[in-house]
Amino acid sequence: MIKVKTFGEPLQPFKAQRELDELDQRVNQFLRANNITRVLSVSDSTTVEAGNTCGLIRVLVYEA
């Protein structure tokens, strides 16, 4: 069965790299915790408020 999971992460100025690393860790932890061995797609999209990037949404499509 194909499933979709989304992860959100707020971004702060000058701290984006650390926040991206934390997001990667959360996704990897989810994969390990759920014994997921087949990932079909991963995509990132930013969220914008008043013209400024303020967050990131990562969409994970996997087979369970």
N, C-alpha and C. Protein backbone atom coordinates (compact mmCIF):
# COMPACT_ATOMS: atom_id res chain seq x y z
N MET A 1 0.84 -1.16 0.00
CA MET A 1 0.00 0.00 0.00
C MET A 1 0.90 1.24 0.00
N ILE A 2 0.56 2.22 -0.83
CA ILE A 2 1.32 3.46 -0.89
C ILE A 2 0.71 4.45 0.11
N LYS A 3 1.59 5.10 0.89
CA LYS A 3 1.15 6.06 1.89
C LYS A 3 1.94 7.35 1.73
N VAL A 4 1.38 8.44 2.29
CA VAL A 4 2.02 9.75 2.25
C VAL A 4 2.12 10.28 3.67
N LYS A 5 3.27 10.86 4.00
CA LYS A 5 3.49 11.47 5.32
C LYS A 5 4.11 12.84 5.09
N THR A 6 3.62 13.85 5.79
CA THR A 6 4.20 15.19 5.66
C THR A 6 4.88 15.57 6.97
N PHE A 7 5.94 16.35 6.85
CA PHE A 7 6.68 16.88 7.98
C PHE A 7 6.82 18.38 7.78
N GLY A 8 6.62 19.16 8.81
CA GLY A 8 6.77 20.61 8.71
C GLY A 8 7.88 21.09 9.61
N GLU A 9 8.52 22.17 9.19
CA GLU A 9 9.62 22.73 9.98
C GLU A 9 9.64 24.24 9.78
N PRO A 10 9.52 25.02 10.88
CA PRO A 10 9.66 26.47 10.74
C PRO A 10 11.13 26.82 10.49
N LEU A 11 11.36 27.85 9.72
CA LEU A 11 12.73 28.28 9.43
C LEU A 11 12.97 29.64 10.05
N GLN A 12 14.12 29.80 10.67
CA GLN A 12 14.52 31.08 11.25
C GLN A 12 15.74 31.59 10.51
N PRO A 13 15.86 32.90 10.37
CA PRO A 13 17.02 33.44 9.65
C PRO A 13 18.34 32.93 10.26
N PHE A 14 19.26 32.57 9.39
CA PHE A 14 20.61 32.15 9.74
C PHE A 14 20.67 30.81 10.49
N LYS A 15 19.55 30.10 10.57
CA LYS A 15 19.54 28.81 11.26
C LYS A 15 18.98 27.72 10.35
N ALA A 16 18.83 28.02 9.07
CA ALA A 16 18.18 27.08 8.15
C ALA A 16 18.92 25.76 8.03
N GLN A 17 20.26 25.79 8.00
CA GLN A 17 21.00 24.54 7.85
C GLN A 17 20.76 23.60 9.03
N ARG A 18 20.77 24.13 10.23
CA ARG A 18 20.51 23.32 11.42
C ARG A 18 19.08 22.75 11.37
N GLU A 19 18.13 23.57 10.95
CA GLU A 19 16.74 23.12 10.88
C GLU A 19 16.55 22.06 9.80
N LEU A 20 17.26 22.18 8.68
CA LEU A 20 17.20 21.15 7.65
C LEU A 20 17.79 19.84 8.16
N ASP A 21 18.87 19.92 8.91
CA ASP A 21 19.46 18.72 9.50
C ASP A 21 18.48 18.06 10.48
N GLU A 22 17.79 18.86 11.27
CA GLU A 22 16.80 18.33 12.22
C GLU A 22 15.64 17.67 11.47
N LEU A 23 15.22 18.27 10.37
CA LEU A 23 14.14 17.70 9.57
C LEU A 23 14.58 16.36 8.97
N ASP A 24 15.81 16.30 8.46
CA ASP A 24 16.35 15.04 7.94
C ASP A 24 16.34 13.96 9.03
N GLN A 25 16.74 14.33 10.23
CA GLN A 25 16.77 13.37 11.35
C GLN A 25 15.36 12.88 11.67
N ARG A 26 14.37 13.77 11.67
CA ARG A 26 12.99 13.37 11.96
C ARG A 26 12.46 12.40 10.91
N VAL A 27 12.76 12.68 9.65
CA VAL A 27 12.30 11.79 8.58
C VAL A 27 12.98 10.44 8.70
N ASN A 28 14.29 10.43 8.91
CA ASN A 28 15.02 9.17 9.06
C ASN A 28 14.54 8.37 10.27
N GLN A 29 14.24 9.05 11.36
CA GLN A 29 13.70 8.38 12.55
C GLN A 29 12.35 7.75 12.24
N PHE A 30 11.49 8.45 11.50
CA PHE A 30 10.20 7.92 11.10
C PHE A 30 10.37 6.66 10.25
N LEU A 31 11.31 6.71 9.29
CA LEU A 31 11.56 5.55 8.44
C LEU A 31 12.02 4.34 9.25
N ARG A 32 12.95 4.56 10.17
CA ARG A 32 13.44 3.46 11.01
C ARG A 32 12.36 2.92 11.93
N ALA A 33 11.63 3.82 12.58
CA ALA A 33 10.61 3.41 13.55
C ALA A 33 9.49 2.60 12.90
N ASN A 34 9.23 2.85 11.63
CA ASN A 34 8.14 2.17 10.94
C ASN A 34 8.63 1.09 9.97
N ASN A 35 9.92 0.77 10.05
CA ASN A 35 10.52 -0.27 9.21
C ASN A 35 10.20 -0.08 7.73
N ILE A 36 10.28 1.15 7.27
CA ILE A 36 10.00 1.46 5.87
C ILE A 36 11.27 1.22 5.07
N THR A 37 11.16 0.39 4.05
CA THR A 37 12.33 0.06 3.24
C THR A 37 12.23 0.58 1.81
N ARG A 38 11.06 1.06 1.42
CA ARG A 38 10.90 1.54 0.05
C ARG A 38 10.27 2.93 0.04
N VAL A 39 11.08 3.92 -0.32
CA VAL A 39 10.62 5.30 -0.45
C VAL A 39 10.45 5.58 -1.93
N LEU A 40 9.27 6.05 -2.31
CA LEU A 40 8.98 6.32 -3.71
C LEU A 40 9.29 7.76 -4.11
N SER A 41 9.13 8.69 -3.17
CA SER A 41 9.35 10.09 -3.50
C SER A 41 9.55 10.91 -2.23
N VAL A 42 10.41 11.91 -2.33
CA VAL A 42 10.58 12.90 -1.27
C VAL A 42 10.63 14.26 -1.96
N SER A 43 9.82 15.20 -1.49
CA SER A 43 9.86 16.53 -2.08
C SER A 43 9.71 17.58 -0.99
N ASP A 44 10.34 18.72 -1.22
CA ASP A 44 10.28 19.84 -0.29
C ASP A 44 9.60 21.02 -0.95
N SER A 45 8.88 21.77 -0.14
CA SER A 45 8.24 22.99 -0.60
C SER A 45 8.31 24.00 0.53
N THR A 46 8.51 25.25 0.18
CA THR A 46 8.58 26.28 1.21
C THR A 46 7.21 26.87 1.48
N THR A 47 7.06 27.40 2.68
CA THR A 47 5.87 28.18 3.02
C THR A 47 6.31 29.64 3.11
N VAL A 48 5.45 30.53 2.68
CA VAL A 48 5.81 31.94 2.58
C VAL A 48 4.77 32.78 3.32
N GLU A 49 5.26 33.77 4.04
CA GLU A 49 4.38 34.73 4.71
C GLU A 49 4.93 36.12 4.46
N ALA A 50 4.11 36.99 3.92
CA ALA A 50 4.50 38.37 3.62
C ALA A 50 5.76 38.42 2.74
N GLY A 51 5.87 37.47 1.81
CA GLY A 51 7.00 37.47 0.89
C GLY A 51 8.26 36.84 1.42
N ASN A 52 8.25 36.38 2.66
CA ASN A 52 9.43 35.77 3.27
C ASN A 52 9.22 34.28 3.47
N THR A 53 10.24 33.50 3.18
CA THR A 53 10.17 32.07 3.44
C THR A 53 10.21 31.86 4.94
N CYS A 54 9.19 31.18 5.47
CA CYS A 54 9.11 31.01 6.92
C CYS A 54 9.04 29.56 7.35
N GLY A 55 8.96 28.64 6.39
CA GLY A 55 8.88 27.23 6.78
C GLY A 55 9.12 26.31 5.61
N LEU A 56 9.18 25.05 5.92
CA LEU A 56 9.44 24.03 4.92
C LEU A 56 8.50 22.86 5.17
N ILE A 57 7.94 22.33 4.11
CA ILE A 57 7.11 21.13 4.20
C ILE A 57 7.78 20.05 3.36
N ARG A 58 8.03 18.91 3.97
CA ARG A 58 8.61 17.77 3.26
C ARG A 58 7.53 16.69 3.14
N VAL A 59 7.32 16.23 1.92
CA VAL A 59 6.32 15.19 1.65
C VAL A 59 7.07 13.91 1.31
N LEU A 60 6.73 12.86 2.01
CA LEU A 60 7.37 11.55 1.84
C LEU A 60 6.30 10.58 1.34
N VAL A 61 6.56 9.95 0.21
CA VAL A 61 5.66 8.92 -0.33
C VAL A 61 6.41 7.61 -0.22
N TYR A 62 5.79 6.63 0.45
CA TYR A 62 6.48 5.38 0.71
C TYR A 62 5.52 4.21 0.57
N GLU A 63 6.10 3.04 0.51
CA GLU A 63 5.32 1.82 0.43
C GLU A 63 5.37 1.12 1.78
N ALA A 64 4.19 0.73 2.27
CA ALA A 64 4.13 0.07 3.57
C ALA A 64 3.65 -1.35 3.43
